[in-house]
Amino acid sequence: MTAISAALVKELRERTSLPMMECKKALQEAAGDIDVAIENLRKSGGMKAAKKAGRTAADGVVAARVAEDGSGGVLVEINSETDFVARDENFLAFVARVADRAFAERSEDIAALMAGDLESAREALVQKIGENISVRRSRVLEAPVIGEYVHSNNRIGVLVGLSGGSAELARDIAMHVAAVNPQVAKPEQMPDDVVAKEREIYAAQARESGKPEEIIEKMISGRVNKFLAECSLVEQPFVKDPDIKVGGLLKQAGADILGFVRFEVGEGIEVETTDFAAEVAAQVRSSG
C-alpha cells in the first residue's frame, strides 16, 4: 500500500473539509494522487465539492496598463518571496518598469521582455533586498473596448475586452471577474475534456440513486448545464446587481464579451513544505 505523508493528508483535508481518516483512505486508494482522490470522493458522494481554491505559495503583485483609446491592454505578474517585499517601493518601481515595457512592446515573451536592462535591474534588486524576484507572466488583450481592474491589494488583476459598450461597463465586468472568477466567457467555450470529466462524475453520482436510465440522463444533463452556467461569465448574476446576468447587462448596452484575462498572485504555484518534526523523528528512528 502506498505510504501517505501527513502533509498530503492535511492538504486534502483543507481542500475537502473531510475527516483525516477519510482523507488518508482516499489518498491510499488513489496511490497518493490528490486530484484522483478528490475525483473519486466526488463520484462516490463522499463530499459535496472540492474547494476550488488551490494553494497559493508565492507572493508579489499584478499590474495593468491600458491604451489611452481603450483598445488594448496588458496584465503582468511579478513575484517576490514575501508580502513585505511586495509592498517595498523599490520592488513596486521595478514592477512599473516591467508593466510599461510589456505594454509598449505588447509582449507576452518574458525572456525577450527581460533581455538587457530589465534583467540587470532585476538582479540588482535581488542583491539589494535579499529575496528572489521573478517576472512570471504577461498577457496582452486587444479589443474595441478594454476595461481593467486591479484590486486594492494588487493581488488580483483583470482585463476585459468588449465589442460595443463603454470602458466603464468593461471595468464593471472586470470587477465581477475579479470577485467571481469565471472559468470561461461563454458556456460553449468550456473545454470538452472539462465537460466530459464533470459528466463522468455526475453520472457516477446519479447512478447511485437507482433511478431508471432515462431519468439518470436527464439528471446528468441538468447538472452539466448548471455547471456550465455557474462557471461561464455571461450566465452569472452580475455581482453589483444579482437580478440581472452579465449577459443581459451586455445585451442592454449593445455589447458582447470578446475575452478576459484574470491574474491572481501565486495561483498554481506551490512551494515544497517540510514537516521538520516528522523529518527529525524519521532520522532518529533510522539511526537507532
Protein backbone atom coordinates (compact mmCIF):
# COMPACT_ATOMS: atom_id res chain seq x y z
CA MET A 1 0.00 0.00 0.00
CA THR A 2 1.26 3.48 -0.89
CA ALA A 3 2.72 5.41 2.05
CA ILE A 4 0.82 8.67 2.52
CA SER A 5 2.52 11.64 4.16
CA ALA A 6 0.82 13.67 6.87
CA ALA A 7 1.31 16.80 4.76
CA LEU A 8 -0.65 15.26 1.87
CA VAL A 9 -3.47 14.21 4.18
CA LYS A 10 -3.54 17.71 5.65
CA GLU A 11 -3.75 19.28 2.18
CA LEU A 12 -6.65 17.02 1.14
CA ARG A 13 -8.45 17.82 4.39
CA GLU A 14 -8.02 21.56 3.76
CA ARG A 15 -9.39 21.20 0.24
CA THR A 16 -12.34 18.95 1.11
CA SER A 17 -13.15 19.58 4.82
CA LEU A 18 -13.39 15.80 5.34
CA PRO A 19 -12.08 13.94 8.42
CA MET A 20 -8.41 12.96 8.47
CA MET A 21 -9.04 9.20 8.26
CA GLU A 22 -11.32 9.57 5.24
CA CYS A 23 -8.69 11.71 3.55
CA LYS A 24 -5.96 9.17 4.26
CA LYS A 25 -8.10 6.29 2.94
CA ALA A 26 -8.97 8.23 -0.22
CA LEU A 27 -5.31 9.00 -0.85
CA GLN A 28 -4.29 5.39 -0.32
CA GLU A 29 -6.92 4.24 -2.84
CA ALA A 30 -5.66 6.88 -5.29
CA ALA A 31 -2.00 5.88 -4.82
CA GLY A 32 -1.20 9.29 -3.36
CA ASP A 33 -2.63 11.32 -6.26
CA ILE A 34 -4.62 14.12 -4.59
CA ASP A 35 -6.57 15.09 -7.72
CA VAL A 36 -7.63 11.48 -8.34
CA ALA A 37 -8.63 11.20 -4.65
CA ILE A 38 -10.87 14.27 -4.97
CA GLU A 39 -12.41 12.95 -8.19
CA ASN A 40 -13.15 9.56 -6.57
CA LEU A 41 -14.66 11.25 -3.50
CA ARG A 42 -16.93 13.32 -5.71
CA LYS A 43 -18.02 10.24 -7.69
CA SER A 44 -18.88 8.33 -4.52
CA GLY A 45 -20.74 11.26 -2.99
CA GLY A 46 -18.19 11.37 -0.18
CA MET A 47 -18.03 15.13 -0.49
CA LYS A 48 -20.26 17.83 -1.93
CA ALA A 49 -17.50 19.55 -3.86
CA ALA A 50 -13.76 20.06 -3.76
CA LYS A 51 -12.75 23.50 -2.68
CA LYS A 52 -11.82 25.35 -5.83
CA ALA A 53 -9.05 27.41 -4.30
CA GLY A 54 -5.64 25.81 -4.71
CA ARG A 55 -2.66 26.56 -2.52
CA THR A 56 -1.04 29.93 -3.17
CA ALA A 57 2.62 29.67 -2.32
CA ALA A 58 4.14 32.81 -3.91
CA ASP A 59 3.83 36.49 -3.17
CA GLY A 60 4.07 39.59 -5.31
CA VAL A 61 1.73 41.83 -7.30
CA VAL A 62 -0.13 42.17 -10.58
CA ALA A 63 -0.13 45.36 -12.65
CA ALA A 64 -2.14 46.54 -15.65
CA ARG A 65 -1.66 49.05 -18.44
CA VAL A 66 -4.38 50.16 -20.89
CA ALA A 67 -4.06 52.32 -24.01
CA GLU A 68 -5.48 55.83 -23.82
CA ASP A 69 -8.00 54.98 -26.55
CA GLY A 70 -9.01 51.86 -24.59
CA SER A 71 -8.25 49.48 -27.45
CA GLY A 72 -5.57 47.37 -25.83
CA GLY A 73 -4.07 46.44 -22.52
CA VAL A 74 -1.52 44.25 -20.78
CA LEU A 75 -1.51 42.42 -17.46
CA VAL A 76 1.68 41.28 -15.74
CA GLU A 77 2.54 39.31 -12.59
CA ILE A 78 5.82 39.80 -10.75
CA ASN A 79 6.60 37.55 -7.78
CA SER A 80 8.54 38.08 -4.59
CA GLU A 81 9.11 35.70 -1.70
CA THR A 82 7.22 37.70 0.94
CA ASP A 83 4.37 40.16 1.24
CA PHE A 84 6.75 42.58 2.95
CA VAL A 85 8.83 42.91 -0.22
CA ALA A 86 5.69 43.07 -2.38
CA ARG A 87 4.95 46.42 -0.67
CA ASP A 88 8.50 47.75 -0.98
CA GLU A 89 8.85 50.95 -3.02
CA ASN A 90 11.88 49.65 -4.92
CA PHE A 91 10.04 46.46 -5.86
CA LEU A 92 6.96 48.42 -6.98
CA ALA A 93 9.12 50.74 -9.07
CA PHE A 94 10.57 47.67 -10.81
CA VAL A 95 7.04 46.32 -11.38
CA ALA A 96 6.08 49.61 -13.03
CA ARG A 97 9.07 49.40 -15.39
CA VAL A 98 8.16 45.84 -16.39
CA ALA A 99 4.49 46.72 -16.95
CA ASP A 100 5.43 49.79 -19.02
CA ARG A 101 7.82 47.76 -21.19
CA ALA A 102 5.33 44.90 -21.68
CA PHE A 103 2.68 47.43 -22.70
CA ALA A 104 4.97 49.39 -25.03
CA GLU A 105 6.07 46.19 -26.80
CA ARG A 106 2.70 44.41 -26.43
CA SER A 107 4.81 41.46 -25.35
CA GLU A 108 3.96 38.13 -23.70
CA ASP A 109 7.50 36.78 -24.18
CA ILE A 110 9.12 37.12 -20.76
CA ALA A 111 12.61 36.14 -21.94
CA ALA A 112 12.58 38.80 -24.67
CA LEU A 113 11.00 41.34 -22.34
CA MET A 114 13.68 40.91 -19.69
CA ALA A 115 16.67 40.88 -22.03
CA GLY A 116 19.12 43.69 -21.31
CA ASP A 117 18.44 46.48 -18.83
CA LEU A 118 15.37 44.96 -17.14
CA GLU A 119 17.23 41.76 -16.26
CA SER A 120 20.10 43.83 -14.90
CA ALA A 121 17.62 45.84 -12.83
CA ARG A 122 16.06 42.62 -11.51
CA GLU A 123 19.43 41.21 -10.48
CA ALA A 124 20.38 44.47 -8.74
CA LEU A 125 17.07 44.46 -6.86
CA VAL A 126 17.62 40.86 -5.74
CA GLN A 127 21.02 41.85 -4.36
CA LYS A 128 19.58 44.89 -2.61
CA ILE A 129 16.55 43.32 -0.89
CA GLY A 130 17.86 39.78 -0.41
CA GLU A 131 14.88 38.00 -1.97
CA ASN A 132 14.36 36.33 -5.30
CA ILE A 133 12.27 38.36 -7.75
CA SER A 134 10.60 36.65 -10.70
CA VAL A 135 8.70 38.13 -13.65
CA ARG A 136 6.22 35.31 -14.08
CA ARG A 137 3.84 36.16 -16.92
CA SER A 138 2.41 38.79 -19.23
CA ARG A 139 -0.83 38.74 -21.21
CA VAL A 140 -1.95 41.14 -23.92
CA LEU A 141 -5.63 41.75 -24.70
CA GLU A 142 -6.84 43.77 -27.67
CA ALA A 143 -10.47 44.70 -28.39
CA PRO A 144 -12.50 47.77 -29.42
CA VAL A 145 -13.19 48.42 -25.73
CA ILE A 146 -10.90 47.38 -22.86
CA GLY A 147 -11.66 47.66 -19.16
CA GLU A 148 -9.19 46.95 -16.36
CA TYR A 149 -9.49 46.39 -12.65
CA VAL A 150 -6.71 45.76 -10.15
CA HIS A 151 -7.88 45.06 -6.62
CA SER A 152 -6.64 47.34 -3.85
CA ASN A 153 -4.19 44.72 -2.56
CA ASN A 154 -2.61 44.41 -6.05
CA ARG A 155 -3.01 40.63 -5.85
CA ILE A 156 -5.85 40.24 -8.38
CA GLY A 157 -5.96 41.96 -11.76
CA VAL A 158 -8.37 41.64 -14.69
CA LEU A 159 -8.62 42.86 -18.28
CA VAL A 160 -11.95 42.59 -20.13
CA GLY A 161 -12.39 43.09 -23.88
CA LEU A 162 -15.75 44.11 -25.38
CA SER A 163 -17.21 44.90 -28.76
CA GLY A 164 -19.53 47.82 -28.08
CA GLY A 165 -20.40 49.23 -24.70
CA SER A 166 -18.11 51.53 -22.75
CA ALA A 167 -14.89 51.47 -20.76
CA GLU A 168 -16.99 51.92 -17.62
CA LEU A 169 -19.07 48.82 -18.45
CA ALA A 170 -15.90 46.86 -19.22
CA ARG A 171 -14.43 47.92 -15.86
CA ASP A 172 -17.61 46.85 -14.03
CA ILE A 173 -17.40 43.43 -15.67
CA ALA A 174 -13.69 43.26 -14.83
CA MET A 175 -14.61 43.82 -11.17
CA HIS A 176 -17.14 40.98 -11.46
CA VAL A 177 -14.47 38.67 -12.94
CA ALA A 178 -12.10 39.58 -10.10
CA ALA A 179 -14.74 38.74 -7.48
CA VAL A 180 -16.40 35.65 -9.01
CA ASN A 181 -13.59 34.13 -11.10
CA PRO A 182 -15.49 32.54 -14.02
CA GLN A 183 -13.65 29.85 -15.96
CA VAL A 184 -14.80 30.95 -19.43
CA ALA A 185 -16.69 33.85 -21.02
CA LYS A 186 -19.43 31.70 -22.58
CA PRO A 187 -20.64 28.11 -21.95
CA GLU A 188 -19.61 26.90 -25.41
CA GLN A 189 -16.01 27.89 -24.65
CA MET A 190 -15.64 25.35 -21.83
CA PRO A 191 -13.03 22.77 -22.93
CA ASP A 192 -14.53 19.43 -23.97
CA ASP A 193 -12.32 17.46 -21.58
CA VAL A 194 -13.55 19.53 -18.61
CA VAL A 195 -17.19 18.94 -19.57
CA ALA A 196 -16.52 15.23 -20.07
CA LYS A 197 -14.89 14.95 -16.64
CA GLU A 198 -17.83 16.67 -14.95
CA ARG A 199 -20.30 14.45 -16.85
CA GLU A 200 -18.40 11.36 -15.69
CA ILE A 201 -18.57 12.50 -12.07
CA TYR A 202 -22.28 13.38 -12.26
CA ALA A 203 -23.03 10.04 -13.95
CA ALA A 204 -21.37 8.12 -11.11
CA GLN A 205 -23.36 10.13 -8.56
CA ALA A 206 -26.68 9.78 -10.41
CA ARG A 207 -26.43 6.01 -10.93
CA GLU A 208 -26.16 5.53 -7.18
CA SER A 209 -29.76 6.77 -6.98
CA GLY A 210 -31.01 3.57 -8.64
CA LYS A 211 -33.40 5.52 -10.87
CA PRO A 212 -34.25 4.50 -14.47
CA GLU A 213 -31.62 5.28 -17.12
CA GLU A 214 -33.75 7.90 -18.89
CA ILE A 215 -34.18 9.79 -15.60
CA ILE A 216 -30.47 9.47 -14.89
CA GLU A 217 -29.63 11.01 -18.28
CA LYS A 218 -31.87 13.98 -17.53
CA MET A 219 -30.21 14.37 -14.12
CA ILE A 220 -26.75 14.33 -15.72
CA SER A 221 -27.71 16.86 -18.40
CA GLY A 222 -29.26 19.13 -15.80
CA ARG A 223 -26.15 19.06 -13.63
CA VAL A 224 -23.82 19.68 -16.58
CA ASN A 225 -25.92 22.66 -17.67
CA LYS A 226 -25.86 24.01 -14.14
CA PHE A 227 -22.08 23.62 -14.01
CA LEU A 228 -21.67 25.46 -17.32
CA ALA A 229 -23.92 28.30 -16.15
CA GLU A 230 -22.11 28.70 -12.84
CA CYS A 231 -18.67 28.81 -14.49
CA SER A 232 -19.49 30.98 -17.53
CA LEU A 233 -19.26 34.77 -17.22
CA VAL A 234 -22.34 35.64 -19.30
CA GLU A 235 -24.56 33.25 -17.32
CA GLN A 236 -23.52 34.53 -13.87
CA PRO A 237 -25.66 37.00 -11.87
CA PHE A 238 -23.89 40.36 -12.06
CA VAL A 239 -22.10 40.93 -8.76
CA LYS A 240 -23.31 44.56 -8.43
CA ASP A 241 -26.92 43.68 -9.37
CA PRO A 242 -27.74 39.96 -8.95
CA ASP A 243 -31.17 40.49 -10.56
CA ILE A 244 -29.51 40.60 -13.99
CA LYS A 245 -26.99 38.23 -15.58
CA VAL A 246 -23.78 39.58 -17.06
CA GLY A 247 -25.01 38.51 -20.50
CA GLY A 248 -28.17 40.55 -20.02
CA LEU A 249 -26.14 43.56 -18.91
CA LEU A 250 -24.06 43.32 -22.08
CA LYS A 251 -27.16 42.96 -24.27
CA GLN A 252 -28.72 46.09 -22.74
CA ALA A 253 -25.59 48.03 -23.74
CA GLY A 254 -25.42 46.55 -27.25
CA ALA A 255 -22.11 44.92 -26.35
CA ASP A 256 -20.53 41.48 -26.46
CA ILE A 257 -17.69 39.92 -24.50
CA LEU A 258 -14.65 39.11 -26.63
CA GLY A 259 -12.44 37.83 -23.87
CA PHE A 260 -10.93 38.39 -20.44
CA VAL A 261 -7.68 37.81 -18.60
CA ARG A 262 -7.56 37.28 -14.83
CA PHE A 263 -4.34 37.00 -12.82
CA GLU A 264 -4.19 36.18 -9.13
CA VAL A 265 -0.80 36.32 -7.48
CA GLY A 266 0.72 32.90 -6.97
CA GLU A 267 -2.15 30.85 -8.43
CA GLY A 268 -0.89 27.44 -9.46
CA ILE A 269 2.48 27.88 -7.74
CA GLU A 270 3.38 25.62 -4.84
CA VAL A 271 6.47 25.56 -2.66
CA GLU A 272 7.71 22.44 -1.01
CA THR A 273 6.90 22.37 2.68
CA THR A 274 8.80 20.26 5.15
CA ASP A 275 7.41 18.72 8.33
CA PHE A 276 10.60 19.19 10.33
CA ALA A 277 9.30 17.31 13.40
CA ALA A 278 8.45 14.27 11.30
CA GLU A 279 11.78 14.52 9.47
CA VAL A 280 13.76 14.57 12.74
CA ALA A 281 11.70 11.67 14.12
CA ALA A 282 12.40 9.64 11.00
CA GLN A 283 16.13 10.35 11.25
CA VAL A 284 16.12 9.30 14.90
CA ARG A 285 14.35 6.03 14.08
CA SER A 286 16.71 5.26 11.21
CA SER A 287 19.80 5.88 13.39
CA GLY A 288 18.55 3.66 16.19
